[in-house]
Structures are given as structure tokens and as C-alpha cells.
């Protein structure tokens, strides 16, 4: 199944809210929302080519902000269980916090 691509950039310049054209700044990160349809693997490869990773959601404020940006669209994120079935991790190596998946965002 193909979905839209959703990427996150953590460039040093992002700390100063100076994201590249086409990226959106939030806190100390830059986010790229692509409307190109890709498989998860192709989306991950595209992100790496941009010096980034598929997005990792690390806290409730970030999750809330992202929700305001995507509306009802569907995007790929970096959560996966490639290394071990049922053991979830982010593609950038960040710690997965399972409770974030269950927090209601209105």
C-alpha cells in the first residue's frame, strides 16, 4: 500500500528556525511534508537523501503540532519493527514511547 511521505529534518540551522525552502519549522526541528506517493522503504530512502529521517514523535506537544499540520491526510512516519517483529523503534534511533500512541488529540 502506498501512502504520502512525511519526513523530519534535524539540521543545525533548524535550531534558529531557518529551515530550507519547502520545510516547516517547529521548535528546533524542520519538517518536510511531501505529497509524493511512495512505499515506506522509498520514503525512508528519500528522507536519507535529504539528510533526514522519517519522522519520530517524541512528546505530546510535537504530536499535537503534527496533527494540526496534517489534518486528515495520511503520512509515513519512522516507527517500525524491522529488526524484531513486535519490537517498535524509530528509524533515527530515538526511543519509542508507547503511551504517545494512545494519547487523545482533539
PDB file of N, CA and C in Angstrom:
ATOM      1  N   UNK A   1       0.847  -1.179   0.000  1.00  0.00           N
ATOM      2  CA  UNK A   1       0.000   0.000   0.000  1.00  0.00           C
ATOM      3  C   UNK A   1       0.891   1.239   0.000  1.00  0.00           C
ATOM      4  N   UNK A   2       0.588   2.179  -0.845  1.00  0.00           N
ATOM      5  CA  UNK A   2       1.387   3.395  -0.937  1.00  0.00           C
ATOM      6  C   UNK A   2       0.709   4.522  -0.179  1.00  0.00           C
ATOM      7  N   UNK A   3       1.481   5.273   0.566  1.00  0.00           N
ATOM      8  CA  UNK A   3       0.983   6.422   1.319  1.00  0.00           C
ATOM      9  C   UNK A   3       1.812   7.650   0.993  1.00  0.00           C
ATOM     10  N   UNK A   4       1.396   8.786   1.518  1.00  0.00           N
ATOM     11  CA  UNK A   4       2.167  10.013   1.343  1.00  0.00           C
ATOM     12  C   UNK A   4       3.388   9.989   2.242  1.00  0.00           C
ATOM     13  N   UNK A   5       4.400  10.739   1.867  1.00  0.00           N
ATOM     14  CA  UNK A   5       5.666  10.795   2.582  1.00  0.00           C
ATOM     15  C   UNK A   5       5.650  11.885   3.643  1.00  0.00           C
ATOM     16  N   UNK A   6       6.141  11.581   4.819  1.00  0.00           N
ATOM     17  CA  UNK A   6       6.208  12.541   5.909  1.00  0.00           C
ATOM     18  C   UNK A   6       7.606  12.456   6.498  1.00  0.00           C
ATOM     19  N   UNK A   7       8.365  13.547   6.441  1.00  0.00           N
ATOM     20  CA  UNK A   7       9.751  13.482   6.884  1.00  0.00           C
ATOM     21  C   UNK A   7      10.076  14.526   7.929  1.00  0.00           C
ATOM     22  N   UNK A   8      11.135  14.294   8.635  1.00  0.00           N
ATOM     23  CA  UNK A   8      11.616  15.189   9.667  1.00  0.00           C
ATOM     24  C   UNK A   8      13.091  15.459   9.443  1.00  0.00           C
ATOM     25  N   UNK A   9      13.489  16.723   9.560  1.00  0.00           N
ATOM     26  CA  UNK A   9      14.890  17.099   9.418  1.00  0.00           C
ATOM     27  C   UNK A   9      15.382  17.666  10.731  1.00  0.00           C
ATOM     28  N   UNK A  10      16.573  17.326  11.133  1.00  0.00           N
ATOM     29  CA  UNK A  10      17.156  17.877  12.343  1.00  0.00           C
ATOM     30  C   UNK A  10      18.470  18.575  12.021  1.00  0.00           C
ATOM     31  N   UNK A  11      18.444  19.475  11.083  1.00  0.00           N
ATOM     32  CA  UNK A  11      19.641  20.211  10.705  1.00  0.00           C
ATOM     33  C   UNK A  11      20.007  21.237  11.773  1.00  0.00           C
ATOM     34  N   UNK A  12      21.287  21.560  11.907  1.00  0.00           N
ATOM     35  CA  UNK A  12      21.745  22.549  12.869  1.00  0.00           C
ATOM     36  C   UNK A  12      21.051  23.884  12.663  1.00  0.00           C
ATOM     37  N   UNK A  13      20.855  24.278  11.416  1.00  0.00           N
ATOM     38  CA  UNK A  13      20.205  25.567  11.144  1.00  0.00           C
ATOM     39  C   UNK A  13      18.772  25.598  11.646  1.00  0.00           C
ATOM     40  N   UNK A  14      18.178  24.446  11.860  1.00  0.00           N
ATOM     41  CA  UNK A  14      16.805  24.387  12.341  1.00  0.00           C
ATOM     42  C   UNK A  14      16.694  24.969  13.748  1.00  0.00           C
ATOM     43  N   UNK A  15      17.760  24.911  14.500  1.00  0.00           N
ATOM     44  CA  UNK A  15      17.736  25.465  15.851  1.00  0.00           C
ATOM     45  C   UNK A  15      17.458  26.963  15.829  1.00  0.00           C
ATOM     46  N   UNK A  16      17.723  27.589  14.697  1.00  0.00           N
ATOM     47  CA  UNK A  16      17.478  29.016  14.546  1.00  0.00           C
ATOM     48  C   UNK A  16      16.250  29.280  13.686  1.00  0.00           C
ATOM     49  N   UNK A  17      15.398  28.259  13.526  1.00  0.00           N
ATOM     50  CA  UNK A  17      14.185  28.335  12.704  1.00  0.00           C
ATOM     51  C   UNK A  17      14.496  28.762  11.277  1.00  0.00           C
ATOM     52  N   UNK A  18      15.610  28.319  10.755  1.00  0.00           N
ATOM     53  CA  UNK A  18      15.993  28.627   9.383  1.00  0.00           C
ATOM     54  C   UNK A  18      15.945  27.348   8.561  1.00  0.00           C
ATOM     55  N   UNK A  19      14.748  26.905   8.294  1.00  0.00           N
ATOM     56  CA  UNK A  19      14.574  25.689   7.513  1.00  0.00           C
ATOM     57  C   UNK A  19      14.721  25.998   6.035  1.00  0.00           C
ATOM     58  N   UNK A  20      15.106  24.985   5.282  1.00  0.00           N
ATOM     59  CA  UNK A  20      15.200  25.130   3.838  1.00  0.00           C
ATOM     60  C   UNK A  20      13.819  25.405   3.258  1.00  0.00           C
ATOM     61  N   UNK A  21      13.790  25.989   2.073  1.00  0.00           N
ATOM     62  CA  UNK A  21      12.520  26.289   1.418  1.00  0.00           C
ATOM     63  C   UNK A  21      11.704  25.006   1.255  1.00  0.00           C
ATOM     64  N   UNK A  22      10.427  25.086   1.579  1.00  0.00           N
ATOM     65  CA  UNK A  22       9.541  23.938   1.470  1.00  0.00           C
ATOM     66  C   UNK A  22       9.416  23.131   2.754  1.00  0.00           C
ATOM     67  N   UNK A  23      10.235  23.454   3.763  1.00  0.00           N
ATOM     68  CA  UNK A  23      10.183  22.771   5.052  1.00  0.00           C
ATOM     69  C   UNK A  23       9.454  23.674   6.053  1.00  0.00           C
ATOM     70  N   UNK A  24       8.849  23.094   7.070  1.00  0.00           N
ATOM     71  CA  UNK A  24       8.150  23.858   8.104  1.00  0.00           C
ATOM     72  C   UNK A  24       8.903  23.754   9.426  1.00  0.00           C
ATOM     73  N   UNK A  25       9.099  24.893  10.074  1.00  0.00           N
ATOM     74  CA  UNK A  25       9.809  24.921  11.359  1.00  0.00           C
ATOM     75  C   UNK A  25       8.835  24.726  12.515  1.00  0.00           C
ATOM     76  N   UNK A  26       9.269  23.970  13.503  1.00  0.00           N
ATOM     77  CA  UNK A  26       8.542  23.837  14.770  1.00  0.00           C
ATOM     78  C   UNK A  26       9.571  23.496  15.842  1.00  0.00           C
ATOM     79  N   UNK A  27       9.575  24.311  16.901  1.00  0.00           N
ATOM     80  CA  UNK A  27      10.567  24.157  17.964  1.00  0.00           C
ATOM     81  C   UNK A  27      11.952  24.200  17.312  1.00  0.00           C
ATOM     82  N   UNK A  28      12.783  23.196  17.536  1.00  0.00           N
ATOM     83  CA  UNK A  28      14.143  23.208  16.984  1.00  0.00           C
ATOM     84  C   UNK A  28      14.301  22.239  15.810  1.00  0.00           C
ATOM     85  N   UNK A  29      13.184  21.900  15.142  1.00  0.00           N
ATOM     86  CA  UNK A  29      13.217  20.940  14.042  1.00  0.00           C
ATOM     87  C   UNK A  29      12.576  21.522  12.794  1.00  0.00           C
ATOM     88  N   UNK A  30      12.920  20.916  11.673  1.00  0.00           N
ATOM     89  CA  UNK A  30      12.304  21.253  10.391  1.00  0.00           C
ATOM     90  C   UNK A  30      11.588  20.008   9.883  1.00  0.00           C
ATOM     91  N   UNK A  31      10.392  20.208   9.379  1.00  0.00           N
ATOM     92  CA  UNK A  31       9.564  19.108   8.894  1.00  0.00           C
ATOM     93  C   UNK A  31       9.275  19.306   7.412  1.00  0.00           C
ATOM     94  N   UNK A  32       9.355  18.221   6.668  1.00  0.00           N
ATOM     95  CA  UNK A  32       9.039  18.267   5.244  1.00  0.00           C
ATOM     96  C   UNK A  32       7.831  17.374   4.996  1.00  0.00           C
ATOM     97  N   UNK A  33       6.777  17.957   4.465  1.00  0.00           N
ATOM     98  CA  UNK A  33       5.559  17.222   4.145  1.00  0.00           C
ATOM     99  C   UNK A  33       5.500  17.073   2.626  1.00  0.00           C
ATOM    100  N   UNK A  34       5.631  15.868   2.142  1.00  0.00           N
ATOM    101  CA  UNK A  34       5.626  15.631   0.697  1.00  0.00           C
ATOM    102  C   UNK A  34       4.294  15.037   0.270  1.00  0.00           C
ATOM    103  N   UNK A  35       3.841  15.430  -0.898  1.00  0.00           N
ATOM    104  CA  UNK A  35       2.613  14.861  -1.449  1.00  0.00           C
ATOM    105  C   UNK A  35       2.924  13.764  -2.463  1.00  0.00           C
ATOM    106  N   UNK A  36       4.195  13.413  -2.597  1.00  0.00           N
ATOM    107  CA  UNK A  36       4.575  12.320  -3.497  1.00  0.00           C
ATOM    108  C   UNK A  36       4.193  10.975  -2.878  1.00  0.00           C
ATOM    109  N   UNK A  37       3.623  10.106  -3.668  1.00  0.00           N
ATOM    110  CA  UNK A  37       3.229   8.778  -3.191  1.00  0.00           C
ATOM    111  C   UNK A  37       4.425   7.833  -3.308  1.00  0.00           C
ATOM    112  N   UNK A  38       4.785   7.206  -2.182  1.00  0.00           N
ATOM    113  CA  UNK A  38       5.925   6.296  -2.142  1.00  0.00           C
ATOM    114  C   UNK A  38       5.630   5.148  -1.185  1.00  0.00           C
ATOM    115  N   UNK A  39       6.352   4.049  -1.343  1.00  0.00           N
ATOM    116  CA  UNK A  39       6.304   2.978  -0.347  1.00  0.00           C
ATOM    117  C   UNK A  39       7.058   3.457   0.893  1.00  0.00           C
ATOM    118  N   UNK A  40       6.941   2.748   2.007  1.00  0.00           N
ATOM    119  CA  UNK A  40       7.641   3.144   3.228  1.00  0.00           C
ATOM    120  C   UNK A  40       9.153   3.128   2.991  1.00  0.00           C
ATOM    121  N   UNK A  41       9.663   2.071   2.346  1.00  0.00           N
ATOM    122  CA  UNK A  41      11.106   1.987   2.077  1.00  0.00           C
ATOM    123  C   UNK A  41      11.572   3.127   1.173  1.00  0.00           C
ATOM    124  N   UNK A  42      10.801   3.443   0.136  1.00  0.00           N
ATOM    125  CA  UNK A  42      11.176   4.544  -0.753  1.00  0.00           C
ATOM    126  C   UNK A  42      11.121   5.878  -0.027  1.00  0.00           C
ATOM    127  N   UNK A  43      10.139   6.044   0.866  1.00  0.00           N
ATOM    128  CA  UNK A  43      10.041   7.279   1.652  1.00  0.00           C
ATOM    129  C   UNK A  43      11.248   7.416   2.568  1.00  0.00           C
ATOM    130  N   UNK A  44      11.639   6.321   3.202  1.00  0.00           N
ATOM    131  CA  UNK A  44      12.817   6.339   4.074  1.00  0.00           C
ATOM    132  C   UNK A  44      14.068   6.701   3.280  1.00  0.00           C
ATOM    133  N   UNK A  45      14.231   6.109   2.109  1.00  0.00           N
ATOM    134  CA  UNK A  45      15.377   6.405   1.248  1.00  0.00           C
ATOM    135  C   UNK A  45      15.377   7.869   0.828  1.00  0.00           C
ATOM    136  N   UNK A  46      14.214   8.406   0.483  1.00  0.00           N
ATOM    137  CA  UNK A  46      14.102   9.810   0.107  1.00  0.00           C
ATOM    138  C   UNK A  46      14.525  10.708   1.269  1.00  0.00           C
ATOM    139  N   UNK A  47      14.097  10.372   2.462  1.00  0.00           N
ATOM    140  CA  UNK A  47      14.472  11.160   3.639  1.00  0.00           C
ATOM    141  C   UNK A  47      15.979  11.163   3.850  1.00  0.00           C
ATOM    142  N   UNK A  48      16.584   9.998   3.757  1.00  0.00           N
ATOM    143  CA  UNK A  48      18.028   9.892   3.937  1.00  0.00           C
ATOM    144  C   UNK A  48      18.744  10.738   2.886  1.00  0.00           C
ATOM    145  N   UNK A  49      18.223  10.743   1.670  1.00  0.00           N
ATOM    146  CA  UNK A  49      18.805  11.556   0.610  1.00  0.00           C
ATOM    147  C   UNK A  49      18.710  13.049   0.895  1.00  0.00           C
ATOM    148  N   UNK A  50      17.775  13.441   1.730  1.00  0.00           N
ATOM    149  CA  UNK A  50      17.610  14.839   2.132  1.00  0.00           C
ATOM    150  C   UNK A  50      18.373  15.143   3.422  1.00  0.00           C
ATOM    151  N   UNK A  51      19.139  14.169   3.911  1.00  0.00           N
ATOM    152  CA  UNK A  51      19.888  14.356   5.159  1.00  0.00           C
ATOM    153  C   UNK A  51      18.983  14.280   6.375  1.00  0.00           C
ATOM    154  N   UNK A  52      17.940  13.474   6.291  1.00  0.00           N
ATOM    155  CA  UNK A  52      16.917  13.428   7.322  1.00  0.00           C
ATOM    156  C   UNK A  52      16.505  11.987   7.613  1.00  0.00           C
ATOM    157  N   UNK A  53      15.418  11.846   8.339  1.00  0.00           N
ATOM    158  CA  UNK A  53      14.808  10.555   8.659  1.00  0.00           C
ATOM    159  C   UNK A  53      13.304  10.704   8.560  1.00  0.00           C
ATOM    160  N   UNK A  54      12.605   9.592   8.412  1.00  0.00           N
ATOM    161  CA  UNK A  54      11.164   9.637   8.596  1.00  0.00           C
ATOM    162  C   UNK A  54      10.903  10.129  10.012  1.00  0.00           C
ATOM    163  N   UNK A  55       9.821  10.810  10.218  1.00  0.00           N
ATOM    164  CA  UNK A  55       9.560  11.476  11.485  1.00  0.00           C
ATOM    165  C   UNK A  55       9.466  10.540  12.683  1.00  0.00           C
ATOM    166  N   UNK A  56      10.011  10.995  13.799  1.00  0.00           N
ATOM    167  CA  UNK A  56       9.879  10.341  15.096  1.00  0.00           C
ATOM    168  C   UNK A  56       9.092  11.291  15.993  1.00  0.00           C
ATOM    169  N   UNK A  57       8.031  10.800  16.616  1.00  0.00           N
ATOM    170  CA  UNK A  57       7.218  11.624  17.516  1.00  0.00           C
ATOM    171  C   UNK A  57       7.694  11.359  18.935  1.00  0.00           C
ATOM    172  N   UNK A  58       8.263  12.395  19.557  1.00  0.00           N
ATOM    173  CA  UNK A  58       8.942  12.191  20.836  1.00  0.00           C
ATOM    174  C   UNK A  58       8.205  12.739  22.052  1.00  0.00           C
ATOM    175  N   UNK A  59       7.180  13.562  21.850  1.00  0.00           N
ATOM    176  CA  UNK A  59       6.439  14.068  23.002  1.00  0.00           C
ATOM    177  C   UNK A  59       5.045  14.527  22.572  1.00  0.00           C
ATOM    178  N   UNK A  60       4.193  14.820  23.553  1.00  0.00           N
ATOM    179  CA  UNK A  60       2.810  15.205  23.271  1.00  0.00           C
ATOM    180  C   UNK A  60       2.720  16.533  22.520  1.00  0.00           C
ATOM    181  N   UNK A  61       3.481  17.571  22.883  1.00  0.00           N
ATOM    182  CA  UNK A  61       3.391  18.814  22.097  1.00  0.00           C
ATOM    183  C   UNK A  61       3.749  18.618  20.620  1.00  0.00           C
ATOM    184  N   UNK A  62       4.753  17.795  20.344  1.00  0.00           N
ATOM    185  CA  UNK A  62       5.117  17.526  18.956  1.00  0.00           C
ATOM    186  C   UNK A  62       3.980  16.789  18.248  1.00  0.00           C
ATOM    187  N   UNK A  63       3.418  15.795  18.906  1.00  0.00           N
ATOM    188  CA  UNK A  63       2.308  15.039  18.316  1.00  0.00           C
ATOM    189  C   UNK A  63       1.127  15.953  18.036  1.00  0.00           C
ATOM    190  N   UNK A  64       0.839  16.855  18.957  1.00  0.00           N
ATOM    191  CA  UNK A  64      -0.272  17.793  18.779  1.00  0.00           C
ATOM    192  C   UNK A  64      -0.009  18.713  17.599  1.00  0.00           C
ATOM    193  N   UNK A  65       1.199  19.268  17.495  1.00  0.00           N
ATOM    194  CA  UNK A  65       1.540  20.155  16.391  1.00  0.00           C
ATOM    195  C   UNK A  65       1.420  19.441  15.057  1.00  0.00           C
ATOM    196  N   UNK A  66       1.960  18.233  14.980  1.00  0.00           N
ATOM    197  CA  UNK A  66       1.898  17.475  13.734  1.00  0.00           C
ATOM    198  C   UNK A  66       0.445  17.258  13.326  1.00  0.00           C
ATOM    199  N   UNK A  67      -0.387  16.937  14.284  1.00  0.00           N
ATOM    200  CA  UNK A  67      -1.813  16.707  13.984  1.00  0.00           C
ATOM    201  C   UNK A  67      -2.447  17.952  13.367  1.00  0.00           C
ATOM    202  N   UNK A  68      -2.056  19.142  13.831  1.00  0.00           N
ATOM    203  CA  UNK A  68      -2.605  20.376  13.263  1.00  0.00           C
ATOM    204  C   UNK A  68      -2.105  20.611  11.840  1.00  0.00           C
ATOM    205  N   UNK A  69      -0.982  20.018  11.495  1.00  0.00           N
ATOM    206  CA  UNK A  69      -0.400  20.208  10.167  1.00  0.00           C
ATOM    207  C   UNK A  69      -0.968  19.251   9.118  1.00  0.00           C
ATOM    208  N   UNK A  70      -1.332  18.045   9.538  1.00  0.00           N
ATOM    209  CA  UNK A  70      -1.725  17.028   8.554  1.00  0.00           C
ATOM    210  C   UNK A  70      -3.228  16.895   8.354  1.00  0.00           C
ATOM    211  N   UNK A  71      -4.023  17.379   9.293  1.00  0.00           N
ATOM    212  CA  UNK A  71      -5.470  17.231   9.144  1.00  0.00           C
ATOM    213  C   UNK A  71      -5.856  15.766   9.044  1.00  0.00           C
ATOM    214  N   UNK A  72      -6.540  15.403   7.961  1.00  0.00           N
ATOM    215  CA  UNK A  72      -6.972  14.013   7.786  1.00  0.00           C
ATOM    216  C   UNK A  72      -6.097  13.243   6.804  1.00  0.00           C
ATOM    217  N   UNK A  73      -5.028  13.871   6.317  1.00  0.00           N
ATOM    218  CA  UNK A  73      -4.110  13.194   5.394  1.00  0.00           C
ATOM    219  C   UNK A  73      -3.373  12.072   6.127  1.00  0.00           C
ATOM    220  N   UNK A  74      -2.847  11.122   5.368  1.00  0.00           N
ATOM    221  CA  UNK A  74      -2.090  10.001   5.917  1.00  0.00           C
ATOM    222  C   UNK A  74      -0.655  10.103   5.413  1.00  0.00           C
ATOM    223  N   UNK A  75       0.310  10.026   6.335  1.00  0.00           N
ATOM    224  CA  UNK A  75       1.723  10.140   6.002  1.00  0.00           C
ATOM    225  C   UNK A  75       2.502   9.005   6.656  1.00  0.00           C
ATOM    226  N   UNK A  76       3.628   8.661   6.055  1.00  0.00           N
ATOM    227  CA  UNK A  76       4.540   7.695   6.663  1.00  0.00           C
ATOM    228  C   UNK A  76       5.280   8.365   7.818  1.00  0.00           C
ATOM    229  N   UNK A  77       5.549   7.614   8.870  1.00  0.00           N
ATOM    230  CA  UNK A  77       6.438   8.044   9.945  1.00  0.00           C
ATOM    231  C   UNK A  77       7.512   6.970  10.097  1.00  0.00           C
ATOM    232  N   UNK A  78       8.484   7.211  10.960  1.00  0.00           N
ATOM    233  CA  UNK A  78       9.622   6.303  11.071  1.00  0.00           C
ATOM    234  C   UNK A  78       9.470   5.143  12.028  1.00  0.00           C
ATOM    235  N   UNK A  79       8.304   4.945  12.606  1.00  0.00           N
ATOM    236  CA  UNK A  79       8.105   3.844  13.546  1.00  0.00           C
ATOM    237  C   UNK A  79       8.055   2.523  12.782  1.00  0.00           C
ATOM    238  N   UNK A  80       8.844   1.554  13.233  1.00  0.00           N
ATOM    239  CA  UNK A  80       8.899   0.270  12.524  1.00  0.00           C
ATOM    240  C   UNK A  80       9.322  -0.854  13.464  1.00  0.00           C
ATOM    241  N   UNK A  81       9.083  -2.085  13.008  1.00  0.00           N
ATOM    242  CA  UNK A  81       9.530  -3.268  13.762  1.00  0.00           C
ATOM    243  C   UNK A  81      10.343  -4.183  12.840  1.00  0.00           C
ATOM    244  N   UNK A  82      11.185  -3.562  12.018  1.00  0.00           N
ATOM    245  CA  UNK A  82      12.003  -4.300  11.056  1.00  0.00           C
ATOM    246  C   UNK A  82      12.990  -5.240  11.755  1.00  0.00           C
ATOM    247  N   UNK A  83      13.662  -4.764  12.793  1.00  0.00           N
ATOM    248  CA  UNK A  83      14.698  -5.564  13.462  1.00  0.00           C
ATOM    249  C   UNK A  83      14.118  -6.792  14.159  1.00  0.00           C
ATOM    250  N   UNK A  84      12.959  -6.616  14.802  1.00  0.00           N
ATOM    251  CA  UNK A  84      12.319  -7.731  15.515  1.00  0.00           C
ATOM    252  C   UNK A  84      10.812  -7.500  15.521  1.00  0.00           C
ATOM    253  N   UNK A  85      10.079  -8.464  15.023  1.00  0.00           N
ATOM    254  CA  UNK A  85       8.625  -8.368  14.948  1.00  0.00           C
ATOM    255  C   UNK A  85       8.024  -8.004  16.305  1.00  0.00           C
ATOM    256  N   UNK A  86       7.237  -6.931  16.329  1.00  0.00           N
ATOM    257  CA  UNK A  86       6.563  -6.508  17.557  1.00  0.00           C
ATOM    258  C   UNK A  86       7.401  -5.623  18.463  1.00  0.00           C
ATOM    259  N   UNK A  87       8.677  -5.417  18.125  1.00  0.00           N
ATOM    260  CA  UNK A  87       9.553  -4.539  18.909  1.00  0.00           C
ATOM    261  C   UNK A  87       9.698  -3.244  18.113  1.00  0.00           C
ATOM    262  N   UNK A  88       8.999  -2.198  18.546  1.00  0.00           N
ATOM    263  CA  UNK A  88       8.913  -0.952  17.786  1.00  0.00           C
ATOM    264  C   UNK A  88      10.060  -0.016  18.099  1.00  0.00           C
ATOM    265  N   UNK A  89      10.583   0.619  17.042  1.00  0.00           N
ATOM    266  CA  UNK A  89      11.665   1.590  17.182  1.00  0.00           C
ATOM    267  C   UNK A  89      11.543   2.637  16.079  1.00  0.00           C
ATOM    268  N   UNK A  90      12.165   3.789  16.296  1.00  0.00           N
ATOM    269  CA  UNK A  90      12.174   4.861  15.296  1.00  0.00           C
ATOM    270  C   UNK A  90      13.384   4.705  14.393  1.00  0.00           C
ATOM    271  N   UNK A  91      13.257   5.099  13.121  1.00  0.00           N
ATOM    272  CA  UNK A  91      14.367   4.954  12.174  1.00  0.00           C
ATOM    273  C   UNK A  91      15.579   5.792  12.545  1.00  0.00           C
ATOM    274  N   UNK A  92      15.392   6.871  13.318  1.00  0.00           N
ATOM    275  CA  UNK A  92      16.534   7.715  13.695  1.00  0.00           C
ATOM    276  C   UNK A  92      17.189   7.271  14.999  1.00  0.00           C
ATOM    277  N   UNK A  93      16.704   6.183  15.585  1.00  0.00           N
ATOM    278  CA  UNK A  93      17.285   5.659  16.820  1.00  0.00           C
ATOM    279  C   UNK A  93      16.688   6.227  18.088  1.00  0.00           C
ATOM    280  N   UNK A  94      15.731   7.154  17.978  1.00  0.00           N
ATOM    281  CA  UNK A  94      15.074   7.721  19.167  1.00  0.00           C
ATOM    282  C   UNK A  94      14.271   6.641  19.888  1.00  0.00           C
ATOM    283  N   UNK A  95      14.104   6.811  21.190  1.00  0.00           N
ATOM    284  CA  UNK A  95      13.342   5.865  21.999  1.00  0.00           C
ATOM    285  C   UNK A  95      11.853   5.976  21.685  1.00  0.00           C
ATOM    286  N   UNK A  96      11.199   4.847  21.455  1.00  0.00           N
ATOM    287  CA  UNK A  96       9.760   4.811  21.232  1.00  0.00           C
ATOM    288  C   UNK A  96       9.056   4.819  22.584  1.00  0.00           C
ATOM    289  N   UNK A  97       8.151   5.770  22.765  1.00  0.00           N
ATOM    290  CA  UNK A  97       7.369   5.885  23.991  1.00  0.00           C
ATOM    291  C   UNK A  97       5.937   5.441  23.684  1.00  0.00           C
ATOM    292  N   UNK A  98       5.588   4.192  24.005  1.00  0.00           N
ATOM    293  CA  UNK A  98       4.282   3.640  23.614  1.00  0.00           C
ATOM    294  C   UNK A  98       3.077   4.461  24.068  1.00  0.00           C
ATOM    295  N   UNK A  99       3.162   5.138  25.199  1.00  0.00           N
ATOM    296  CA  UNK A  99       1.997   5.889  25.674  1.00  0.00           C
ATOM    297  C   UNK A  99       1.577   6.993  24.713  1.00  0.00           C
ATOM    298  N   UNK A 100       2.499   7.494  23.897  1.00  0.00           N
ATOM    299  CA  UNK A 100       2.160   8.556  22.940  1.00  0.00           C
ATOM    300  C   UNK A 100       1.168   8.078  21.894  1.00  0.00           C
ATOM    301  N   UNK A 101       1.138   6.778  21.624  1.00  0.00           N
ATOM    302  CA  UNK A 101       0.224   6.251  20.629  1.00  0.00           C
ATOM    303  C   UNK A 101      -1.218   6.281  21.120  1.00  0.00           C
ATOM    304  N   UNK A 102      -1.405   6.404  22.433  1.00  0.00           N
ATOM    305  CA  UNK A 102      -2.751   6.316  22.997  1.00  0.00           C
ATOM    306  C   UNK A 102      -3.285   7.645  23.526  1.00  0.00           C
ATOM    307  N   UNK A 103      -2.489   8.689  23.446  1.00  0.00           N
ATOM    308  CA  UNK A 103      -2.921   9.999  23.938  1.00  0.00           C
ATOM    309  C   UNK A 103      -3.908  10.583  22.947  1.00  0.00           C
ATOM    310  N   UNK A 104      -5.087  10.945  23.421  1.00  0.00           N
ATOM    311  CA  UNK A 104      -6.118  11.528  22.544  1.00  0.00           C
ATOM    312  C   UNK A 104      -5.750  12.959  22.178  1.00  0.00           C
ATOM    313  N   UNK A 105      -5.822  13.261  20.895  1.00  0.00           N
ATOM    314  CA  UNK A 105      -5.574  14.603  20.402  1.00  0.00           C
ATOM    315  C   UNK A 105      -6.883  15.099  19.798  1.00  0.00           C
ATOM    316  N   UNK A 106      -7.406  16.169  20.350  1.00  0.00           N
ATOM    317  CA  UNK A 106      -8.677  16.697  19.840  1.00  0.00           C
ATOM    318  C   UNK A 106      -8.467  17.726  18.774  1.00  0.00           C
TER     319      UNK A 106
END
